[in-house]
Amino acid sequence: MNNSFLSAEEALAVDQLMPGLQLYSIGSKLKNALAGTYPVRSTYYVDGTNGSDSNDGLAYDTAFKTIQYAVTSASAYDTICIIPKAIVVGATDPNSYAETIIIPATHEGLTLVGYGSPRVQGAIPQIKKGSGTTALITVRAPGCTIANLGINGSGSTGGGILLDDNGTTKNAFGTVITGCHFKNCVGTTATDSRTGGAIQWASTGGAWQVRISGNRFYKNVCDVVLLGTSESVPQDVVIENNVFSGPAANTDCNLYLAGGSGMNGLIIKDNVFTAKPAIGSGSVALFVDLTGCVGMFCNNFFAGTGTTTGYGVSKASADIPVTMFITHCYSESGLIVREA
């Protein structure tokens, strides 16, 4: 097991802030000798080129071969470190983990993290099934983190990451998705953003307190989509510092969050929208559709040279209701204004 340690300065600072704690430098965790033992969590490794699912997965040299086997072997709050598969010289697409992954409800706080440079295809592990109708990663546990992974939906119709939450037997609230690269993700209809995309809430909604931060999206029919809110309206969702899909001919909508009743407490800030979606036979053809949403839409940047208008309720560039405050958003022509 590969554990990080508290520095002497960190240990002293914690001891001063919380006297009475007995510190043990295991995996940067603390044990409280008075209240009981804090569980020691494990780090597992996955190497799709050299690993084997008959290994113990606890070191590089004994890595598992598949991500799902590592998830099944792990427990709540464990970390799974994924090594990119070896890339053939001259290849134009990374070798991929050809599997679908389900994080079960029992695995709260699980972290999936890829080795490599964030949000660059070819520099991080890629998951690409190539067929099927199931999302490449399904999250059913709270507090999970997905970082530095490539999600390539080419050939599949289940989308990239599914936040599968019904509020009872499965809960995906508190999910963080960061540093990932999403490409070619579609839902059940190849040109309709309303049926799925790179990151999607299930039709039940739920999955509150989600943060989608610092990702790159490219050639997805939809980048982030809310399929519905039959069980619960998602709240306290932050979408920040992302670069969203283009070219225009590949995308129907970057953010379709109008499914069901929309979202409350939604913050969309500091994102780049690279091309106004215009896929052939598309259904939405907007940068964003936020009908029903409540929150802030600020400091976002849009491709386009012709106009700063077309943003507002049922407008041609972005459908943004008056319950979403627009501030400091720009196209090449200047400050974007809300049209009445």
C-alpha atoms as a PDB file:
ATOM      1  CA  MET A   1       0.000   0.000   0.000  1.00  0.00           C
ATOM      2  CA  ASN A   2       1.322   3.396  -0.960  1.00  0.00           C
ATOM      3  CA  ASN A   3       0.448   5.938   1.770  1.00  0.00           C
ATOM      4  CA  SER A   4       1.259   9.636   1.989  1.00  0.00           C
ATOM      5  CA  PHE A   5       2.385  11.087   5.304  1.00  0.00           C
ATOM      6  CA  LEU A   6       1.657  14.225   7.251  1.00  0.00           C
ATOM      7  CA  SER A   7       4.600  16.568   7.422  1.00  0.00           C
ATOM      8  CA  ALA A   8       5.864  17.624  10.842  1.00  0.00           C
ATOM      9  CA  GLU A   9       4.399  21.097  10.276  1.00  0.00           C
ATOM     10  CA  GLU A  10       0.970  19.639   9.340  1.00  0.00           C
ATOM     11  CA  ALA A  11       0.948  17.360  12.355  1.00  0.00           C
ATOM     12  CA  LEU A  12       1.863  20.219  14.683  1.00  0.00           C
ATOM     13  CA  ALA A  13      -0.822  22.466  13.200  1.00  0.00           C
ATOM     14  CA  VAL A  14      -3.524  19.828  13.601  1.00  0.00           C
ATOM     15  CA  ASP A  15      -2.378  19.048  17.143  1.00  0.00           C
ATOM     16  CA  GLN A  16      -2.613  22.735  18.058  1.00  0.00           C
ATOM     17  CA  LEU A  17      -6.058  23.072  16.540  1.00  0.00           C
ATOM     18  CA  MET A  18      -7.429  19.851  18.005  1.00  0.00           C
ATOM     19  CA  PRO A  19      -5.595  19.016  21.258  1.00  0.00           C
ATOM     20  CA  GLY A  20      -6.167  15.535  22.550  1.00  0.00           C
ATOM     21  CA  LEU A  21      -5.925  13.881  19.136  1.00  0.00           C
ATOM     22  CA  GLN A  22      -3.305  11.186  18.848  1.00  0.00           C
ATOM     23  CA  LEU A  23      -1.862  11.465  15.334  1.00  0.00           C
ATOM     24  CA  TYR A  24      -0.796   8.582  13.157  1.00  0.00           C
ATOM     25  CA  SER A  25       0.685   9.413   9.756  1.00  0.00           C
ATOM     26  CA  ILE A  26      -1.089   6.734   7.753  1.00  0.00           C
ATOM     27  CA  GLY A  27      -2.507   7.812   4.428  1.00  0.00           C
ATOM     28  CA  SER A  28      -2.843  11.411   5.649  1.00  0.00           C
ATOM     29  CA  LYS A  29      -5.605  10.189   8.014  1.00  0.00           C
ATOM     30  CA  LEU A  30      -5.976  10.870  11.709  1.00  0.00           C
ATOM     31  CA  LYS A  31      -6.881   8.458  14.448  1.00  0.00           C
ATOM     32  CA  ASN A  32      -8.620   9.684  17.536  1.00  0.00           C
ATOM     33  CA  ALA A  33      -7.455   7.482  20.393  1.00  0.00           C
ATOM     34  CA  LEU A  34     -10.367   8.596  22.544  1.00  0.00           C
ATOM     35  CA  ALA A  35     -13.169   8.226  20.024  1.00  0.00           C
ATOM     36  CA  GLY A  36     -11.939   5.034  18.364  1.00  0.00           C
ATOM     37  CA  THR A  37      -9.905   4.049  15.332  1.00  0.00           C
ATOM     38  CA  TYR A  38     -10.265   5.911  12.062  1.00  0.00           C
ATOM     39  CA  PRO A  39     -10.403   3.240   9.330  1.00  0.00           C
ATOM     40  CA  VAL A  40      -7.259   2.955   7.233  1.00  0.00           C
ATOM     41  CA  ARG A  41      -8.195   3.130   3.556  1.00  0.00           C
ATOM     42  CA  SER A  42      -6.520   1.387   0.641  1.00  0.00           C
ATOM     43  CA  THR A  43      -5.075   2.493  -2.669  1.00  0.00           C
ATOM     44  CA  TYR A  44      -5.493   0.107  -5.588  1.00  0.00           C
ATOM     45  CA  TYR A  45      -3.735   0.224  -8.954  1.00  0.00           C
ATOM     46  CA  VAL A  46      -4.980  -0.700 -12.421  1.00  0.00           C
ATOM     47  CA  ASP A  47      -2.662  -1.367 -15.365  1.00  0.00           C
ATOM     48  CA  GLY A  48      -4.540  -2.533 -18.445  1.00  0.00           C
ATOM     49  CA  THR A  49      -1.322  -3.516 -20.231  1.00  0.00           C
ATOM     50  CA  ASN A  50       0.667  -5.391 -17.592  1.00  0.00           C
ATOM     51  CA  GLY A  51      -1.812  -6.020 -14.784  1.00  0.00           C
ATOM     52  CA  SER A  52      -3.867  -9.091 -13.870  1.00  0.00           C
ATOM     53  CA  ASP A  53      -7.138  -9.410 -11.988  1.00  0.00           C
ATOM     54  CA  SER A  54      -5.566 -12.290 -10.083  1.00  0.00           C
ATOM     55  CA  ASN A  55      -3.145  -9.817  -8.434  1.00  0.00           C
ATOM     56  CA  ASP A  56      -3.858  -8.035  -5.152  1.00  0.00           C
ATOM     57  CA  GLY A  57      -3.850  -4.609  -6.840  1.00  0.00           C
ATOM     58  CA  LEU A  58      -2.024  -2.920  -3.964  1.00  0.00           C
ATOM     59  CA  ALA A  59       1.103  -1.818  -5.859  1.00  0.00           C
ATOM     60  CA  TYR A  60       2.215  -0.936  -9.384  1.00  0.00           C
ATOM     61  CA  ASP A  61       3.872  -4.322  -9.783  1.00  0.00           C
ATOM     62  CA  THR A  62       0.758  -6.183  -8.663  1.00  0.00           C
ATOM     63  CA  ALA A  63      -1.862  -4.018 -10.366  1.00  0.00           C
ATOM     64  CA  PHE A  64      -5.267  -5.223 -11.465  1.00  0.00           C
ATOM     65  CA  LYS A  65      -6.034  -5.376 -15.189  1.00  0.00           C
ATOM     66  CA  THR A  66      -9.565  -3.942 -15.230  1.00  0.00           C
ATOM     67  CA  ILE A  67     -11.111  -0.933 -13.538  1.00  0.00           C
ATOM     68  CA  GLN A  68     -14.350  -2.689 -12.610  1.00  0.00           C
ATOM     69  CA  TYR A  69     -12.457  -5.452 -10.808  1.00  0.00           C
ATOM     70  CA  ALA A  70     -10.654  -2.794  -8.782  1.00  0.00           C
ATOM     71  CA  VAL A  71     -13.958  -1.072  -7.954  1.00  0.00           C
ATOM     72  CA  THR A  72     -15.462  -4.376  -6.845  1.00  0.00           C
ATOM     73  CA  SER A  73     -12.414  -5.113  -4.688  1.00  0.00           C
ATOM     74  CA  ALA A  74     -12.400  -1.666  -3.109  1.00  0.00           C
ATOM     75  CA  SER A  75     -14.385  -0.295  -0.188  1.00  0.00           C
ATOM     76  CA  ALA A  76     -15.797   3.095   0.699  1.00  0.00           C
ATOM     77  CA  TYR A  77     -13.252   5.964   0.591  1.00  0.00           C
ATOM     78  CA  ASP A  78     -10.619   3.892  -1.188  1.00  0.00           C
ATOM     79  CA  THR A  79      -8.638   5.265  -4.133  1.00  0.00           C
ATOM     80  CA  ILE A  80      -8.156   3.552  -7.490  1.00  0.00           C
ATOM     81  CA  CYS A  81      -5.184   4.775  -9.545  1.00  0.00           C
ATOM     82  CA  ILE A  82      -5.429   3.954 -13.246  1.00  0.00           C
ATOM     83  CA  ILE A  83      -2.405   3.773 -15.545  1.00  0.00           C
ATOM     84  CA  PRO A  84      -2.864   4.554 -19.269  1.00  0.00           C
ATOM     85  CA  LYS A  85      -2.636   1.571 -21.562  1.00  0.00           C
ATOM     86  CA  ALA A  86       0.433   1.421 -23.765  1.00  0.00           C
ATOM     87  CA  ILE A  87      -0.087   3.380 -26.996  1.00  0.00           C
ATOM     88  CA  VAL A  88       1.071   1.828 -30.261  1.00  0.00           C
ATOM     89  CA  VAL A  89       3.560   3.964 -32.194  1.00  0.00           C
ATOM     90  CA  GLY A  90       1.697   5.896 -34.871  1.00  0.00           C
ATOM     91  CA  ALA A  91      -1.735   5.359 -33.294  1.00  0.00           C
ATOM     92  CA  THR A  92      -4.267   8.180 -33.583  1.00  0.00           C
ATOM     93  CA  ASP A  93      -6.425   6.957 -30.714  1.00  0.00           C
ATOM     94  CA  PRO A  94      -5.212   5.722 -27.310  1.00  0.00           C
ATOM     95  CA  ASN A  95      -5.552   2.077 -26.397  1.00  0.00           C
ATOM     96  CA  SER A  96      -8.634   1.996 -24.199  1.00  0.00           C
ATOM     97  CA  TYR A  97     -10.164   0.251 -21.237  1.00  0.00           C
ATOM     98  CA  ALA A  98     -13.045  -1.380 -23.115  1.00  0.00           C
ATOM     99  CA  GLU A  99     -15.393  -1.733 -20.176  1.00  0.00           C
ATOM    100  CA  THR A 100     -18.325  -0.159 -18.406  1.00  0.00           C
ATOM    101  CA  ILE A 101     -17.878   0.687 -14.737  1.00  0.00           C
ATOM    102  CA  ILE A 102     -20.475   0.825 -11.979  1.00  0.00           C
ATOM    103  CA  ILE A 103     -19.706   2.383  -8.598  1.00  0.00           C
ATOM    104  CA  PRO A 104     -22.237   0.704  -6.286  1.00  0.00           C
ATOM    105  CA  ALA A 105     -24.160   2.429  -3.503  1.00  0.00           C
ATOM    106  CA  THR A 106     -21.896   0.834  -0.860  1.00  0.00           C
ATOM    107  CA  HIS A 107     -18.776   2.637  -2.150  1.00  0.00           C
ATOM    108  CA  GLU A 108     -19.252   6.187  -0.903  1.00  0.00           C
ATOM    109  CA  GLY A 109     -16.239   8.445  -1.210  1.00  0.00           C
ATOM    110  CA  LEU A 110     -14.532   6.256  -3.812  1.00  0.00           C
ATOM    111  CA  THR A 111     -11.954   8.023  -6.008  1.00  0.00           C
ATOM    112  CA  LEU A 112     -11.083   7.014  -9.569  1.00  0.00           C
ATOM    113  CA  VAL A 113      -8.022   8.885 -10.781  1.00  0.00           C
ATOM    114  CA  GLY A 114      -5.954   8.471 -13.924  1.00  0.00           C
ATOM    115  CA  TYR A 115      -2.236   9.078 -14.261  1.00  0.00           C
ATOM    116  CA  GLY A 116      -1.174  11.712 -16.775  1.00  0.00           C
ATOM    117  CA  SER A 117      -1.841  15.315 -17.806  1.00  0.00           C
ATOM    118  CA  PRO A 118      -5.417  16.427 -17.077  1.00  0.00           C
ATOM    119  CA  ARG A 119      -8.053  16.738 -19.831  1.00  0.00           C
ATOM    120  CA  VAL A 120      -5.814  15.765 -22.747  1.00  0.00           C
ATOM    121  CA  GLN A 121      -6.776  12.761 -24.861  1.00  0.00           C
ATOM    122  CA  GLY A 122      -3.745  10.521 -25.185  1.00  0.00           C
ATOM    123  CA  ALA A 123      -2.185  11.786 -21.957  1.00  0.00           C
ATOM    124  CA  ILE A 124      -4.606  10.068 -19.567  1.00  0.00           C
ATOM    125  CA  PRO A 125      -6.279   6.626 -19.423  1.00  0.00           C
ATOM    126  CA  GLN A 126      -9.170   6.353 -21.847  1.00  0.00           C
ATOM    127  CA  ILE A 127     -12.378   4.369 -21.351  1.00  0.00           C
ATOM    128  CA  LYS A 128     -14.026   3.410 -24.630  1.00  0.00           C
ATOM    129  CA  LYS A 129     -16.385   0.477 -24.996  1.00  0.00           C
ATOM    130  CA  GLY A 130     -17.133   0.963 -28.678  1.00  0.00           C
ATOM    131  CA  SER A 131     -20.649  -0.517 -28.428  1.00  0.00           C
ATOM    132  CA  GLY A 132     -23.559  -0.876 -26.057  1.00  0.00           C
ATOM    133  CA  THR A 133     -26.315   1.210 -24.484  1.00  0.00           C
ATOM    134  CA  THR A 134     -24.886   1.567 -20.966  1.00  0.00           C
ATOM    135  CA  ALA A 135     -23.034   4.616 -19.636  1.00  0.00           C
ATOM    136  CA  LEU A 136     -19.275   4.115 -19.480  1.00  0.00           C
ATOM    137  CA  ILE A 137     -19.244   5.055 -15.770  1.00  0.00           C
ATOM    138  CA  THR A 138     -22.319   4.863 -13.535  1.00  0.00           C
ATOM    139  CA  VAL A 139     -22.149   6.500 -10.097  1.00  0.00           C
ATOM    140  CA  ARG A 140     -24.570   5.226  -7.431  1.00  0.00           C
ATOM    141  CA  ALA A 141     -22.679   6.254  -4.283  1.00  0.00           C
ATOM    142  CA  PRO A 142     -22.265   9.667  -2.643  1.00  0.00           C
ATOM    143  CA  GLY A 143     -19.082  11.700  -2.396  1.00  0.00           C
ATOM    144  CA  CYS A 144     -17.205  10.044  -5.257  1.00  0.00           C
ATOM    145  CA  THR A 145     -14.477  11.695  -7.330  1.00  0.00           C
ATOM    146  CA  ILE A 146     -13.673  10.978 -10.975  1.00  0.00           C
ATOM    147  CA  ALA A 147     -10.469  12.677 -12.117  1.00  0.00           C
ATOM    148  CA  ASN A 148      -8.033  12.623 -15.053  1.00  0.00           C
ATOM    149  CA  LEU A 149      -9.889  10.076 -17.172  1.00  0.00           C
ATOM    150  CA  GLY A 150     -10.671  10.057 -20.890  1.00  0.00           C
ATOM    151  CA  ILE A 151     -14.274   9.142 -21.683  1.00  0.00           C
ATOM    152  CA  ASN A 152     -14.799   8.269 -25.353  1.00  0.00           C
ATOM    153  CA  GLY A 153     -18.360   7.334 -26.240  1.00  0.00           C
ATOM    154  CA  SER A 154     -17.684   6.455 -29.872  1.00  0.00           C
ATOM    155  CA  GLY A 155     -19.969   3.601 -30.947  1.00  0.00           C
ATOM    156  CA  SER A 156     -22.024   3.648 -27.732  1.00  0.00           C
ATOM    157  CA  THR A 157     -25.382   5.245 -26.965  1.00  0.00           C
ATOM    158  CA  GLY A 158     -25.378   5.186 -23.155  1.00  0.00           C
ATOM    159  CA  GLY A 159     -23.446   8.401 -22.590  1.00  0.00           C
ATOM    160  CA  GLY A 160     -20.267   9.013 -20.611  1.00  0.00           C
ATOM    161  CA  ILE A 161     -20.877   9.375 -16.864  1.00  0.00           C
ATOM    162  CA  LEU A 162     -24.339   8.704 -15.409  1.00  0.00           C
ATOM    163  CA  LEU A 163     -25.295  10.118 -12.000  1.00  0.00           C
ATOM    164  CA  ASP A 164     -27.789   7.442 -11.005  1.00  0.00           C
ATOM    165  CA  ASP A 165     -29.727   8.608  -7.948  1.00  0.00           C
ATOM    166  CA  ASN A 166     -33.200   7.693  -6.742  1.00  0.00           C
ATOM    167  CA  GLY A 167     -32.804   9.065  -3.216  1.00  0.00           C
ATOM    168  CA  THR A 168     -33.198   5.674  -1.531  1.00  0.00           C
ATOM    169  CA  THR A 169     -31.222   2.689  -2.810  1.00  0.00           C
ATOM    170  CA  LYS A 170     -28.669   4.743  -4.734  1.00  0.00           C
ATOM    171  CA  ASN A 171     -27.367   8.270  -4.159  1.00  0.00           C
ATOM    172  CA  ALA A 172     -24.867  10.130  -6.324  1.00  0.00           C
ATOM    173  CA  PHE A 173     -24.840  13.419  -4.450  1.00  0.00           C
ATOM    174  CA  GLY A 174     -21.501  15.083  -3.794  1.00  0.00           C
ATOM    175  CA  THR A 175     -19.900  13.770  -6.988  1.00  0.00           C
ATOM    176  CA  VAL A 176     -16.844  15.659  -8.282  1.00  0.00           C
ATOM    177  CA  ILE A 177     -15.784  15.289 -11.921  1.00  0.00           C
ATOM    178  CA  THR A 178     -12.538  17.078 -12.737  1.00  0.00           C
ATOM    179  CA  GLY A 179      -9.630  17.041 -15.186  1.00  0.00           C
ATOM    180  CA  CYS A 180     -11.376  14.642 -17.572  1.00  0.00           C
ATOM    181  CA  HIS A 181     -11.588  14.581 -21.375  1.00  0.00           C
ATOM    182  CA  PHE A 182     -14.972  13.721 -22.940  1.00  0.00           C
ATOM    183  CA  LYS A 183     -15.386  12.889 -26.607  1.00  0.00           C
ATOM    184  CA  ASN A 184     -18.066  11.428 -28.921  1.00  0.00           C
ATOM    185  CA  CYS A 185     -20.642  10.910 -26.170  1.00  0.00           C
ATOM    186  CA  VAL A 186     -24.268  10.578 -27.228  1.00  0.00           C
ATOM    187  CA  GLY A 187     -27.551   9.414 -25.756  1.00  0.00           C
ATOM    188  CA  THR A 188     -30.229   7.204 -27.222  1.00  0.00           C
ATOM    189  CA  THR A 189     -30.767   9.588 -30.155  1.00  0.00           C
ATOM    190  CA  ALA A 190     -27.620  10.552 -32.041  1.00  0.00           C
ATOM    191  CA  THR A 191     -28.591  14.175 -32.733  1.00  0.00           C
ATOM    192  CA  ASP A 192     -30.791  15.004 -29.719  1.00  0.00           C
ATOM    193  CA  SER A 193     -29.051  16.431 -26.644  1.00  0.00           C
ATOM    194  CA  ARG A 194     -32.146  15.776 -24.538  1.00  0.00           C
ATOM    195  CA  THR A 195     -31.504  12.004 -24.586  1.00  0.00           C
ATOM    196  CA  GLY A 196     -27.987  11.924 -23.131  1.00  0.00           C
ATOM    197  CA  GLY A 197     -24.393  13.026 -23.407  1.00  0.00           C
ATOM    198  CA  ALA A 198     -21.003  13.186 -21.721  1.00  0.00           C
ATOM    199  CA  ILE A 199     -22.261  13.767 -18.152  1.00  0.00           C
ATOM    200  CA  GLN A 200     -25.885  13.079 -17.392  1.00  0.00           C
ATOM    201  CA  TRP A 201     -28.310  12.987 -14.507  1.00  0.00           C
ATOM    202  CA  ALA A 202     -30.715  10.043 -14.611  1.00  0.00           C
ATOM    203  CA  SER A 203     -34.389  10.772 -15.286  1.00  0.00           C
ATOM    204  CA  THR A 204     -34.958  10.601 -11.531  1.00  0.00           C
ATOM    205  CA  GLY A 205     -32.813  13.693 -10.967  1.00  0.00           C
ATOM    206  CA  GLY A 206     -31.345  13.849  -7.456  1.00  0.00           C
ATOM    207  CA  ALA A 207     -27.539  13.981  -7.218  1.00  0.00           C
ATOM    208  CA  TRP A 208     -27.280  17.286  -5.350  1.00  0.00           C
ATOM    209  CA  GLN A 209     -23.989  19.087  -4.587  1.00  0.00           C
ATOM    210  CA  VAL A 210     -22.226  18.070  -7.792  1.00  0.00           C
ATOM    211  CA  ARG A 211     -19.130  19.884  -9.074  1.00  0.00           C
ATOM    212  CA  ILE A 212     -18.071  19.616 -12.730  1.00  0.00           C
ATOM    213  CA  SER A 213     -14.789  21.479 -12.938  1.00  0.00           C
ATOM    214  CA  GLY A 214     -11.819  21.822 -15.273  1.00  0.00           C
ATOM    215  CA  ASN A 215     -12.858  19.324 -17.950  1.00  0.00           C
ATOM    216  CA  ARG A 216     -12.460  19.337 -21.738  1.00  0.00           C
ATOM    217  CA  PHE A 217     -15.450  18.353 -23.887  1.00  0.00           C
ATOM    218  CA  TYR A 218     -15.110  17.684 -27.609  1.00  0.00           C
ATOM    219  CA  LYS A 219     -17.564  16.447 -30.273  1.00  0.00           C
ATOM    220  CA  ASN A 220     -20.241  15.385 -27.790  1.00  0.00           C
ATOM    221  CA  VAL A 221     -23.875  15.670 -28.870  1.00  0.00           C
ATOM    222  CA  CYS A 222     -24.425  17.109 -25.392  1.00  0.00           C
ATOM    223  CA  ASP A 223     -21.845  17.875 -22.732  1.00  0.00           C
ATOM    224  CA  VAL A 224     -24.002  17.990 -19.585  1.00  0.00           C
ATOM    225  CA  VAL A 225     -27.641  16.927 -19.574  1.00  0.00           C
ATOM    226  CA  LEU A 226     -30.416  16.646 -17.011  1.00  0.00           C
ATOM    227  CA  LEU A 227     -32.709  13.863 -18.222  1.00  0.00           C
ATOM    228  CA  GLY A 228     -35.432  14.455 -15.646  1.00  0.00           C
ATOM    229  CA  THR A 229     -36.405  15.207 -12.062  1.00  0.00           C
ATOM    230  CA  SER A 230     -39.047  12.590 -11.253  1.00  0.00           C
ATOM    231  CA  GLU A 231     -37.658  11.950  -7.734  1.00  0.00           C
ATOM    232  CA  SER A 232     -35.861  15.187  -6.859  1.00  0.00           C
ATOM    233  CA  VAL A 233     -34.759  18.487  -8.404  1.00  0.00           C
ATOM    234  CA  PRO A 234     -30.917  18.685  -8.282  1.00  0.00           C
ATOM    235  CA  GLN A 235     -29.614  21.536  -6.142  1.00  0.00           C
ATOM    236  CA  ASP A 236     -26.285  23.222  -5.385  1.00  0.00           C
ATOM    237  CA  VAL A 237     -24.603  22.241  -8.662  1.00  0.00           C
ATOM    238  CA  VAL A 238     -21.440  24.037  -9.825  1.00  0.00           C
ATOM    239  CA  ILE A 239     -20.207  23.862 -13.436  1.00  0.00           C
ATOM    240  CA  GLU A 240     -16.955  25.808 -13.735  1.00  0.00           C
ATOM    241  CA  ASN A 241     -13.735  26.222 -15.737  1.00  0.00           C
ATOM    242  CA  ASN A 242     -14.694  23.801 -18.500  1.00  0.00           C
ATOM    243  CA  VAL A 243     -14.095  23.984 -22.256  1.00  0.00           C
ATOM    244  CA  PHE A 244     -17.251  22.805 -24.011  1.00  0.00           C
ATOM    245  CA  SER A 245     -17.803  20.981 -27.277  1.00  0.00           C
ATOM    246  CA  GLY A 246     -17.399  22.019 -30.850  1.00  0.00           C
ATOM    247  CA  PRO A 247     -17.236  21.868 -33.809  1.00  0.00           C
ATOM    248  CA  ALA A 248     -20.759  23.129 -34.353  1.00  0.00           C
ATOM    249  CA  ALA A 249     -21.661  20.231 -36.658  1.00  0.00           C
ATOM    250  CA  ASN A 250     -21.055  17.670 -33.892  1.00  0.00           C
ATOM    251  CA  THR A 251     -23.096  19.173 -31.079  1.00  0.00           C
ATOM    252  CA  ASP A 252     -26.780  19.840 -30.382  1.00  0.00           C
ATOM    253  CA  CYS A 253     -26.447  21.614 -27.013  1.00  0.00           C
ATOM    254  CA  ASN A 254     -23.585  22.121 -24.584  1.00  0.00           C
ATOM    255  CA  LEU A 255     -25.670  22.304 -21.412  1.00  0.00           C
ATOM    256  CA  TYR A 256     -29.197  20.922 -21.569  1.00  0.00           C
ATOM    257  CA  LEU A 257     -30.429  21.298 -17.993  1.00  0.00           C
ATOM    258  CA  ALA A 258     -34.108  21.783 -18.792  1.00  0.00           C
ATOM    259  CA  GLY A 259     -35.142  18.173 -18.247  1.00  0.00           C
ATOM    260  CA  GLY A 260     -37.994  17.828 -15.760  1.00  0.00           C
ATOM    261  CA  SER A 261     -38.108  20.910 -13.513  1.00  0.00           C
ATOM    262  CA  GLY A 262     -34.535  22.115 -14.047  1.00  0.00           C
ATOM    263  CA  MET A 263     -32.040  22.772 -11.217  1.00  0.00           C
ATOM    264  CA  ASN A 264     -31.959  25.037  -8.161  1.00  0.00           C
ATOM    265  CA  GLY A 265     -28.857  26.768  -6.820  1.00  0.00           C
ATOM    266  CA  LEU A 266     -27.076  26.263 -10.142  1.00  0.00           C
ATOM    267  CA  ILE A 267     -23.788  28.111 -10.713  1.00  0.00           C
ATOM    268  CA  ILE A 268     -22.295  28.146 -14.236  1.00  0.00           C
ATOM    269  CA  LYS A 269     -19.130  30.223 -14.337  1.00  0.00           C
ATOM    270  CA  ASP A 270     -15.776  30.712 -16.074  1.00  0.00           C
ATOM    271  CA  ASN A 271     -16.490  28.347 -18.962  1.00  0.00           C
ATOM    272  CA  VAL A 272     -15.597  28.524 -22.665  1.00  0.00           C
ATOM    273  CA  PHE A 273     -18.231  27.684 -25.281  1.00  0.00           C
ATOM    274  CA  THR A 274     -16.294  27.023 -28.482  1.00  0.00           C
ATOM    275  CA  ALA A 275     -19.032  26.923 -31.163  1.00  0.00           C
ATOM    276  CA  LYS A 276     -22.777  27.459 -31.331  1.00  0.00           C
ATOM    277  CA  PRO A 277     -24.227  23.937 -31.717  1.00  0.00           C
ATOM    278  CA  ALA A 278     -25.707  23.211 -35.127  1.00  0.00           C
ATOM    279  CA  ILE A 279     -25.644  19.442 -35.658  1.00  0.00           C
ATOM    280  CA  GLY A 280     -27.668  18.212 -38.629  1.00  0.00           C
ATOM    281  CA  SER A 281     -31.230  17.162 -37.666  1.00  0.00           C
ATOM    282  CA  GLY A 282     -30.598  18.545 -34.186  1.00  0.00           C
ATOM    283  CA  SER A 283     -33.367  19.199 -31.688  1.00  0.00           C
ATOM    284  CA  VAL A 284     -32.108  22.068 -29.495  1.00  0.00           C
ATOM    285  CA  ALA A 285     -29.290  23.921 -31.356  1.00  0.00           C
ATOM    286  CA  LEU A 286     -28.354  26.168 -28.412  1.00  0.00           C
ATOM    287  CA  PHE A 287     -25.285  26.790 -26.282  1.00  0.00           C
ATOM    288  CA  VAL A 288     -27.440  26.203 -23.211  1.00  0.00           C
ATOM    289  CA  ASP A 289     -31.060  25.497 -22.340  1.00  0.00           C
ATOM    290  CA  LEU A 290     -31.600  26.323 -18.664  1.00  0.00           C
ATOM    291  CA  THR A 291     -35.393  26.414 -18.646  1.00  0.00           C
ATOM    292  CA  GLY A 292     -36.635  25.909 -15.073  1.00  0.00           C
ATOM    293  CA  CYS A 293     -33.238  26.562 -13.497  1.00  0.00           C
ATOM    294  CA  VAL A 294     -32.460  29.020 -10.683  1.00  0.00           C
ATOM    295  CA  GLY A 295     -28.998  30.464 -10.057  1.00  0.00           C
ATOM    296  CA  MET A 296     -26.113  32.375 -11.652  1.00  0.00           C
ATOM    297  CA  PHE A 297     -24.629  32.382 -15.165  1.00  0.00           C
ATOM    298  CA  CYS A 298     -21.459  34.459 -15.033  1.00  0.00           C
ATOM    299  CA  ASN A 299     -17.993  35.032 -16.542  1.00  0.00           C
ATOM    300  CA  ASN A 300     -18.605  32.708 -19.487  1.00  0.00           C
ATOM    301  CA  PHE A 301     -17.124  33.175 -22.961  1.00  0.00           C
ATOM    302  CA  PHE A 302     -18.816  32.332 -26.247  1.00  0.00           C
ATOM    303  CA  ALA A 303     -17.641  31.824 -29.811  1.00  0.00           C
ATOM    304  CA  GLY A 304     -19.310  34.169 -32.263  1.00  0.00           C
ATOM    305  CA  THR A 305     -18.488  37.324 -34.136  1.00  0.00           C
ATOM    306  CA  GLY A 306     -21.875  38.621 -35.200  1.00  0.00           C
ATOM    307  CA  THR A 307     -23.811  39.719 -32.153  1.00  0.00           C
ATOM    308  CA  THR A 308     -24.040  39.908 -28.388  1.00  0.00           C
ATOM    309  CA  THR A 309     -27.781  39.253 -28.495  1.00  0.00           C
ATOM    310  CA  GLY A 310     -29.736  36.021 -28.667  1.00  0.00           C
ATOM    311  CA  TYR A 311     -29.452  35.264 -24.942  1.00  0.00           C
ATOM    312  CA  GLY A 312     -32.583  35.129 -22.805  1.00  0.00           C
ATOM    313  CA  VAL A 313     -35.875  33.284 -22.506  1.00  0.00           C
ATOM    314  CA  SER A 314     -36.360  31.141 -25.641  1.00  0.00           C
ATOM    315  CA  LYS A 315     -33.701  33.042 -27.606  1.00  0.00           C
ATOM    316  CA  ALA A 316     -31.671  31.829 -30.556  1.00  0.00           C
ATOM    317  CA  SER A 317     -28.282  31.398 -28.874  1.00  0.00           C
ATOM    318  CA  ALA A 318     -29.127  30.398 -25.300  1.00  0.00           C
ATOM    319  CA  ASP A 319     -32.400  29.852 -23.447  1.00  0.00           C
ATOM    320  CA  ILE A 320     -31.685  31.443 -20.062  1.00  0.00           C
ATOM    321  CA  PRO A 321     -34.693  32.190 -17.832  1.00  0.00           C
ATOM    322  CA  VAL A 322     -34.900  35.315 -15.690  1.00  0.00           C
ATOM    323  CA  THR A 323     -34.348  33.094 -12.634  1.00  0.00           C
ATOM    324  CA  MET A 324     -30.756  32.643 -13.866  1.00  0.00           C
ATOM    325  CA  PHE A 325     -28.902  35.934 -13.407  1.00  0.00           C
ATOM    326  CA  ILE A 326     -26.505  36.728 -16.292  1.00  0.00           C
ATOM    327  CA  THR A 327     -23.378  38.727 -15.463  1.00  0.00           C
ATOM    328  CA  HIS A 328     -20.050  39.367 -17.231  1.00  0.00           C
ATOM    329  CA  CYS A 329     -20.507  36.994 -20.159  1.00  0.00           C
ATOM    330  CA  TYR A 330     -18.848  37.840 -23.485  1.00  0.00           C
ATOM    331  CA  SER A 331     -18.656  36.952 -27.157  1.00  0.00           C
ATOM    332  CA  GLU A 332     -16.080  38.370 -29.564  1.00  0.00           C
ATOM    333  CA  SER A 333     -18.460  41.265 -30.164  1.00  0.00           C
ATOM    334  CA  GLY A 334     -18.502  42.265 -26.521  1.00  0.00           C
ATOM    335  CA  LEU A 335     -20.665  42.007 -23.422  1.00  0.00           C
ATOM    336  CA  ILE A 336     -23.663  39.719 -23.815  1.00  0.00           C
ATOM    337  CA  VAL A 337     -26.982  41.288 -22.901  1.00  0.00           C
ATOM    338  CA  ARG A 338     -30.216  39.570 -21.992  1.00  0.00           C
ATOM    339  CA  GLU A 339     -32.943  40.055 -24.558  1.00  0.00           C
ATOM    340  CA  ALA A 340     -36.441  40.705 -23.243  1.00  0.00           C
END
